[in-house]
Amino acid sequence: MDFRQLVDEAVAQGASDIHLSAGEVGFIRVDGEMLRHGTTAFSDNQVIECIESLGGVSDLSSIISRGGIVTGK
């Protein structure tokens, strides 16, 4: 599943959140429950591409500082 498919599935199911982690499949939150979607893990580059498509890497520091992205650091 690619990011676009994950977003489409999230919208279709009325999800409140999308969770991405490199090395993991995507998850969506529906009615407080985390649902796993797909069978193929997202790579580091795919997660970065998702971030860039949403607002760009220039916004990444701001998003992290607000707690919107949890990094492994």
Protein backbone atom coordinates (compact mmCIF):
# COMPACT_ATOMS: atom_id res chain seq x y z
CA MET A 1 0.00 0.00 0.00
CA ASP A 2 1.36 3.40 -0.88
CA PHE A 3 0.70 6.64 0.99
CA ARG A 4 -2.09 7.73 -1.35
CA GLN A 5 -3.92 4.44 -0.82
CA LEU A 6 -3.49 4.82 2.94
CA VAL A 7 -4.96 8.32 2.83
CA ASP A 8 -7.85 7.17 0.66
CA GLU A 9 -8.57 4.32 3.10
CA ALA A 10 -8.37 6.69 6.07
CA VAL A 11 -10.88 9.06 4.47
CA ALA A 12 -13.20 6.21 3.49
CA GLN A 13 -13.23 4.89 7.06
CA GLY A 14 -13.49 8.28 8.75
CA ALA A 15 -10.08 7.96 10.42
CA SER A 16 -8.85 10.71 12.72
CA ASP A 17 -5.14 9.88 12.34
CA ILE A 18 -2.64 8.31 10.00
CA HIS A 19 0.49 6.80 11.56
CA LEU A 20 3.64 6.21 9.53
CA SER A 21 6.95 4.79 10.66
CA ALA A 22 9.84 3.71 8.50
CA GLY A 23 10.10 -0.06 8.63
CA GLU A 24 6.42 -0.47 9.52
CA VAL A 25 3.14 -0.70 7.62
CA GLY A 26 0.75 2.22 7.86
CA PHE A 27 -1.87 2.51 10.57
CA ILE A 28 -5.04 4.56 10.80
CA ARG A 29 -7.07 5.40 13.89
CA VAL A 30 -10.82 4.88 13.60
CA ASP A 31 -13.02 5.49 16.64
CA GLY A 32 -9.96 5.31 18.88
CA GLU A 33 -8.80 1.96 17.51
CA MET A 34 -5.52 1.58 15.62
CA LEU A 35 -6.01 -0.40 12.41
CA ARG A 36 -3.10 -1.85 10.45
CA HIS A 37 -3.23 -1.31 6.69
CA GLY A 38 -1.14 -2.98 4.07
CA THR A 39 1.49 -5.67 4.21
CA THR A 40 4.55 -3.79 2.99
CA ALA A 41 6.53 -1.57 5.34
CA PHE A 42 7.24 2.03 4.40
CA SER A 43 10.90 2.81 3.74
CA ASP A 44 12.71 5.84 5.16
CA ASN A 45 12.50 7.52 1.76
CA GLN A 46 8.77 6.84 1.43
CA VAL A 47 8.10 8.45 4.82
CA ILE A 48 10.16 11.50 3.83
CA GLU A 49 8.26 11.71 0.53
CA CYS A 50 4.98 11.64 2.49
CA ILE A 51 6.17 14.51 4.67
CA GLU A 52 7.29 16.48 1.65
CA SER A 53 3.92 15.97 -0.04
CA LEU A 54 2.12 17.33 3.02
CA GLY A 55 4.12 20.45 3.69
CA GLY A 56 7.72 19.96 2.84
CA VAL A 57 10.86 19.26 4.75
CA SER A 58 11.15 22.93 5.69
CA ASP A 59 8.16 22.40 7.99
CA LEU A 60 9.58 19.21 9.50
CA SER A 61 11.41 20.87 12.42
CA SER A 62 8.28 22.79 13.37
CA ILE A 63 6.13 19.67 13.23
CA ILE A 64 8.58 17.68 15.37
CA SER A 65 8.86 20.48 17.94
CA ARG A 66 5.06 20.47 18.35
CA GLY A 67 5.05 16.71 18.89
CA GLY A 68 3.37 15.91 15.58
CA ILE A 69 6.11 13.51 14.56
CA VAL A 70 7.91 11.14 16.86
CA THR A 71 11.39 10.29 15.71
CA GLY A 72 13.62 7.53 16.95
CA LYS A 73 16.10 10.10 18.25
